[in-house]
Amino acid sequence: MAKIVKRKKKKTLRLESFTAVFVLFSAMLYLLSALFLRSYNNLLSTQTQEINDQIAALTLQNDALKLENKELASSERVDEIAANSGLTRNQENIITITSEDIDGE
């Protein structure tokens, strides 16, 4: 009786199958990254809009505070408060500071 010889088949890596798997894998990665980047871009756009809204609100608030500061620092208001307190203005003691004096320190 003849002996049965089993031959092992060598697994060969075919270039076509490797290429097909590589292309599928690359396509999946491309789609996932495109979706992620699109959602991340939307998130960044939303955050940018929110920050611009906050800047606009703070600018408006800053302008209102500057106006209030000018009203509170007006010489007429100071004279009125002094007059209500019984004080008078002595011109010899008044020192005027301008923005040039501040900048030229």
N, C-alpha and C. Protein backbone atom coordinates (compact mmCIF):
# COMPACT_ATOMS: atom_id res chain seq x y z
N MET A 1 0.82 -1.13 0.00
CA MET A 1 0.00 0.00 0.00
C MET A 1 0.89 1.24 0.00
N ALA A 2 0.49 2.17 -0.82
CA ALA A 2 1.30 3.38 -0.98
C ALA A 2 0.96 4.37 0.12
N LYS A 3 1.97 5.03 0.54
CA LYS A 3 1.83 6.00 1.60
C LYS A 3 1.22 7.29 1.03
N ILE A 4 0.24 7.86 1.74
CA ILE A 4 -0.39 9.09 1.29
C ILE A 4 0.46 10.26 1.80
N VAL A 5 0.86 11.03 0.88
CA VAL A 5 1.69 12.18 1.22
C VAL A 5 0.84 13.45 1.11
N LYS A 6 0.76 14.15 2.21
CA LYS A 6 0.01 15.41 2.20
C LYS A 6 0.99 16.54 1.93
N ARG A 7 0.65 17.29 0.98
CA ARG A 7 1.50 18.43 0.65
C ARG A 7 0.87 19.69 1.25
N LYS A 8 1.69 20.44 1.87
CA LYS A 8 1.21 21.71 2.43
C LYS A 8 1.27 22.75 1.33
N LYS A 9 0.16 23.44 1.20
CA LYS A 9 0.14 24.51 0.22
C LYS A 9 0.73 25.76 0.85
N LYS A 10 1.59 26.37 0.13
CA LYS A 10 2.18 27.60 0.62
C LYS A 10 1.18 28.74 0.40
N LYS A 11 0.98 29.53 1.46
CA LYS A 11 0.08 30.68 1.33
C LYS A 11 0.87 31.79 0.67
N THR A 12 0.37 32.20 -0.42
CA THR A 12 1.05 33.28 -1.13
C THR A 12 0.26 34.57 -0.94
N LEU A 13 0.96 35.62 -0.73
CA LEU A 13 0.34 36.92 -0.59
C LEU A 13 0.23 37.52 -1.97
N ARG A 14 -0.98 37.62 -2.39
CA ARG A 14 -1.20 38.16 -3.72
C ARG A 14 -1.21 39.67 -3.66
N LEU A 15 -0.61 40.26 -4.59
CA LEU A 15 -0.50 41.71 -4.64
C LEU A 15 -1.88 42.35 -4.81
N GLU A 16 -2.75 41.70 -5.57
CA GLU A 16 -4.08 42.27 -5.79
C GLU A 16 -4.89 42.32 -4.50
N SER A 17 -4.85 41.26 -3.70
CA SER A 17 -5.63 41.25 -2.46
C SER A 17 -5.06 42.25 -1.46
N PHE A 18 -3.75 42.35 -1.39
CA PHE A 18 -3.14 43.34 -0.49
C PHE A 18 -3.53 44.75 -0.91
N THR A 19 -3.50 45.01 -2.19
CA THR A 19 -3.85 46.33 -2.70
C THR A 19 -5.32 46.64 -2.39
N ALA A 20 -6.19 45.68 -2.59
CA ALA A 20 -7.62 45.88 -2.32
C ALA A 20 -7.86 46.18 -0.83
N VAL A 21 -7.22 45.44 0.05
CA VAL A 21 -7.38 45.68 1.49
C VAL A 21 -6.81 47.05 1.86
N PHE A 22 -5.67 47.37 1.30
CA PHE A 22 -5.06 48.67 1.58
C PHE A 22 -5.94 49.82 1.11
N VAL A 23 -6.52 49.70 -0.05
CA VAL A 23 -7.39 50.75 -0.59
C VAL A 23 -8.64 50.88 0.28
N LEU A 24 -9.25 49.77 0.68
CA LEU A 24 -10.42 49.83 1.54
C LEU A 24 -10.09 50.48 2.88
N PHE A 25 -8.98 50.09 3.46
CA PHE A 25 -8.55 50.65 4.74
C PHE A 25 -8.30 52.16 4.61
N SER A 26 -7.65 52.55 3.52
CA SER A 26 -7.37 53.98 3.29
C SER A 26 -8.67 54.75 3.10
N ALA A 27 -9.62 54.19 2.37
CA ALA A 27 -10.90 54.86 2.14
C ALA A 27 -11.66 55.04 3.46
N MET A 28 -11.63 54.03 4.31
CA MET A 28 -12.30 54.14 5.61
C MET A 28 -11.65 55.21 6.47
N LEU A 29 -10.34 55.24 6.49
CA LEU A 29 -9.64 56.26 7.26
C LEU A 29 -9.94 57.66 6.72
N TYR A 30 -10.00 57.79 5.41
CA TYR A 30 -10.31 59.08 4.80
C TYR A 30 -11.71 59.55 5.22
N LEU A 31 -12.68 58.66 5.15
CA LEU A 31 -14.05 59.03 5.52
C LEU A 31 -14.15 59.41 6.99
N LEU A 32 -13.51 58.62 7.85
CA LEU A 32 -13.55 58.93 9.28
C LEU A 32 -12.88 60.26 9.58
N SER A 33 -11.73 60.50 8.98
CA SER A 33 -11.03 61.76 9.23
C SER A 33 -11.82 62.94 8.65
N ALA A 34 -12.44 62.77 7.51
CA ALA A 34 -13.24 63.85 6.92
C ALA A 34 -14.42 64.21 7.82
N LEU A 35 -15.09 63.20 8.36
CA LEU A 35 -16.21 63.45 9.27
C LEU A 35 -15.75 64.13 10.55
N PHE A 36 -14.65 63.64 11.10
CA PHE A 36 -14.12 64.23 12.32
C PHE A 36 -13.72 65.68 12.10
N LEU A 37 -13.01 65.95 11.02
CA LEU A 37 -12.55 67.31 10.75
C LEU A 37 -13.71 68.26 10.47
N ARG A 38 -14.74 67.78 9.81
CA ARG A 38 -15.90 68.62 9.54
C ARG A 38 -16.60 68.99 10.85
N SER A 39 -16.78 68.02 11.74
CA SER A 39 -17.44 68.32 13.01
C SER A 39 -16.56 69.22 13.88
N TYR A 40 -15.25 69.01 13.83
CA TYR A 40 -14.33 69.84 14.61
C TYR A 40 -14.33 71.28 14.07
N ASN A 41 -14.41 71.43 12.76
CA ASN A 41 -14.47 72.75 12.14
C ASN A 41 -15.75 73.47 12.56
N ASN A 42 -16.87 72.76 12.60
CA ASN A 42 -18.13 73.35 13.05
C ASN A 42 -18.04 73.80 14.50
N LEU A 43 -17.39 72.98 15.33
CA LEU A 43 -17.22 73.33 16.74
C LEU A 43 -16.38 74.60 16.87
N LEU A 44 -15.30 74.68 16.11
CA LEU A 44 -14.45 75.87 16.17
C LEU A 44 -15.18 77.11 15.67
N SER A 45 -15.99 76.96 14.65
CA SER A 45 -16.77 78.09 14.14
C SER A 45 -17.76 78.58 15.19
N THR A 46 -18.39 77.67 15.87
CA THR A 46 -19.34 78.03 16.92
C THR A 46 -18.62 78.76 18.05
N GLN A 47 -17.47 78.25 18.46
CA GLN A 47 -16.71 78.90 19.52
C GLN A 47 -16.26 80.29 19.10
N THR A 48 -15.85 80.44 17.84
CA THR A 48 -15.43 81.74 17.34
C THR A 48 -16.58 82.73 17.38
N GLN A 49 -17.76 82.29 16.99
CA GLN A 49 -18.95 83.15 17.03
C GLN A 49 -19.26 83.58 18.45
N GLU A 50 -19.19 82.64 19.39
CA GLU A 50 -19.47 82.96 20.79
C GLU A 50 -18.47 83.98 21.33
N ILE A 51 -17.21 83.82 20.99
CA ILE A 51 -16.18 84.74 21.46
C ILE A 51 -16.39 86.12 20.84
N ASN A 52 -16.75 86.17 19.56
CA ASN A 52 -17.02 87.46 18.92
C ASN A 52 -18.22 88.14 19.57
N ASP A 53 -19.24 87.38 19.94
CA ASP A 53 -20.40 87.94 20.64
C ASP A 53 -19.99 88.50 21.99
N GLN A 54 -19.12 87.78 22.71
CA GLN A 54 -18.65 88.26 24.00
C GLN A 54 -17.82 89.53 23.84
N ILE A 55 -17.00 89.57 22.79
CA ILE A 55 -16.19 90.78 22.54
C ILE A 55 -17.09 91.97 22.27
N ALA A 56 -18.13 91.76 21.47
CA ALA A 56 -19.06 92.85 21.16
C ALA A 56 -19.77 93.34 22.42
N ALA A 57 -20.19 92.41 23.27
CA ALA A 57 -20.89 92.78 24.51
C ALA A 57 -19.95 93.53 25.44
N LEU A 58 -18.71 93.07 25.56
CA LEU A 58 -17.75 93.75 26.44
C LEU A 58 -17.35 95.12 25.90
N THR A 59 -17.27 95.25 24.58
CA THR A 59 -16.97 96.55 23.99
C THR A 59 -18.08 97.54 24.28
N LEU A 60 -19.31 97.09 24.15
CA LEU A 60 -20.46 97.94 24.46
C LEU A 60 -20.46 98.35 25.93
N GLN A 61 -20.18 97.39 26.79
CA GLN A 61 -20.12 97.66 28.23
C GLN A 61 -18.97 98.63 28.54
N ASN A 62 -17.84 98.44 27.87
CA ASN A 62 -16.69 99.31 28.07
C ASN A 62 -17.00 100.74 27.65
N ASP A 63 -17.68 100.89 26.52
CA ASP A 63 -18.06 102.22 26.06
C ASP A 63 -19.02 102.90 27.05
N ALA A 64 -19.95 102.12 27.59
CA ALA A 64 -20.89 102.68 28.57
C ALA A 64 -20.15 103.12 29.83
N LEU A 65 -19.17 102.33 30.25
CA LEU A 65 -18.40 102.69 31.44
C LEU A 65 -17.52 103.92 31.20
N LYS A 66 -16.99 104.06 29.99
CA LYS A 66 -16.21 105.25 29.66
C LYS A 66 -17.08 106.49 29.72
N LEU A 67 -18.30 106.40 29.20
CA LEU A 67 -19.24 107.52 29.24
C LEU A 67 -19.59 107.87 30.68
N GLU A 68 -19.85 106.85 31.48
CA GLU A 68 -20.18 107.09 32.89
C GLU A 68 -19.00 107.73 33.62
N ASN A 69 -17.78 107.30 33.29
CA ASN A 69 -16.58 107.86 33.89
C ASN A 69 -16.44 109.34 33.53
N LYS A 70 -16.71 109.69 32.28
CA LYS A 70 -16.63 111.09 31.86
C LYS A 70 -17.67 111.93 32.60
N GLU A 71 -18.87 111.38 32.78
CA GLU A 71 -19.92 112.10 33.50
C GLU A 71 -19.55 112.32 34.96
N LEU A 72 -18.97 111.28 35.58
CA LEU A 72 -18.62 111.38 36.99
C LEU A 72 -17.42 112.30 37.21
N ALA A 73 -16.54 112.41 36.23
CA ALA A 73 -15.33 113.22 36.39
C ALA A 73 -15.50 114.64 35.87
N SER A 74 -16.68 115.02 35.46
CA SER A 74 -16.87 116.36 34.90
C SER A 74 -16.67 117.41 36.01
N SER A 75 -16.11 118.54 35.61
CA SER A 75 -15.82 119.59 36.60
C SER A 75 -17.10 120.18 37.19
N GLU A 76 -18.18 120.19 36.40
CA GLU A 76 -19.45 120.70 36.92
C GLU A 76 -19.95 119.84 38.08
N ARG A 77 -19.80 118.54 37.95
CA ARG A 77 -20.25 117.63 39.01
C ARG A 77 -19.39 117.83 40.26
N VAL A 78 -18.09 117.95 40.04
CA VAL A 78 -17.19 118.17 41.18
C VAL A 78 -17.53 119.48 41.87
N ASP A 79 -17.79 120.53 41.09
CA ASP A 79 -18.16 121.84 41.67
C ASP A 79 -19.47 121.73 42.45
N GLU A 80 -20.43 120.99 41.92
CA GLU A 80 -21.72 120.83 42.60
C GLU A 80 -21.57 120.10 43.92
N ILE A 81 -20.78 119.04 43.93
CA ILE A 81 -20.57 118.28 45.18
C ILE A 81 -19.83 119.15 46.19
N ALA A 82 -18.85 119.90 45.71
CA ALA A 82 -18.10 120.79 46.62
C ALA A 82 -19.01 121.86 47.19
N ALA A 83 -19.86 122.44 46.36
CA ALA A 83 -20.78 123.48 46.83
C ALA A 83 -21.76 122.91 47.85
N ASN A 84 -22.24 121.70 47.65
CA ASN A 84 -23.16 121.07 48.61
C ASN A 84 -22.47 120.79 49.94
N SER A 85 -21.17 120.59 49.89
CA SER A 85 -20.42 120.32 51.12
C SER A 85 -19.90 121.59 51.76
N GLY A 86 -20.12 122.74 51.12
CA GLY A 86 -19.67 124.01 51.68
C GLY A 86 -18.23 124.34 51.33
N LEU A 87 -17.70 123.72 50.30
CA LEU A 87 -16.31 123.96 49.90
C LEU A 87 -16.28 124.94 48.75
N THR A 88 -15.17 125.65 48.64
CA THR A 88 -14.98 126.57 47.52
C THR A 88 -13.72 126.16 46.76
N ARG A 89 -13.66 126.62 45.53
CA ARG A 89 -12.53 126.27 44.67
C ARG A 89 -11.44 127.31 44.83
N ASN A 90 -10.22 126.83 45.09
CA ASN A 90 -9.06 127.70 45.17
C ASN A 90 -8.24 127.47 43.91
N GLN A 91 -8.18 128.44 43.02
CA GLN A 91 -7.52 128.29 41.73
C GLN A 91 -6.03 128.03 41.86
N GLU A 92 -5.42 128.45 42.94
CA GLU A 92 -3.98 128.25 43.12
C GLU A 92 -3.64 126.78 43.37
N ASN A 93 -4.58 126.00 43.87
CA ASN A 93 -4.32 124.60 44.20
C ASN A 93 -4.74 123.62 43.10
N ILE A 94 -5.22 124.14 42.00
CA ILE A 94 -5.70 123.26 40.93
C ILE A 94 -4.54 122.92 40.00
N ILE A 95 -4.34 121.62 39.77
CA ILE A 95 -3.31 121.13 38.84
C ILE A 95 -4.04 120.33 37.77
N THR A 96 -3.80 120.70 36.53
CA THR A 96 -4.46 120.00 35.43
C THR A 96 -3.47 119.03 34.80
N ILE A 97 -3.87 117.78 34.70
CA ILE A 97 -3.02 116.75 34.09
C ILE A 97 -3.64 116.39 32.75
N THR A 98 -2.85 116.53 31.71
CA THR A 98 -3.33 116.18 30.36
C THR A 98 -2.76 114.84 29.95
N SER A 99 -3.26 114.32 28.84
CA SER A 99 -2.76 113.03 28.37
C SER A 99 -1.31 113.12 27.94
N GLU A 100 -0.85 114.32 27.53
CA GLU A 100 0.55 114.48 27.16
C GLU A 100 1.45 114.33 28.38
N ASP A 101 0.97 114.80 29.54
CA ASP A 101 1.75 114.66 30.78
C ASP A 101 1.87 113.20 31.16
N ILE A 102 0.82 112.45 30.95
CA ILE A 102 0.83 111.02 31.29
C ILE A 102 1.73 110.25 30.34
N ASP A 103 1.63 110.55 29.04
CA ASP A 103 2.42 109.83 28.04
C ASP A 103 3.90 110.18 28.13
N GLY A 104 4.24 111.39 28.56
CA GLY A 104 5.62 111.85 28.56
C GLY A 104 6.37 111.54 29.84
N GLU A 105 5.86 110.68 30.68
CA GLU A 105 6.51 110.37 31.97
C GLU A 105 7.91 109.98 31.78
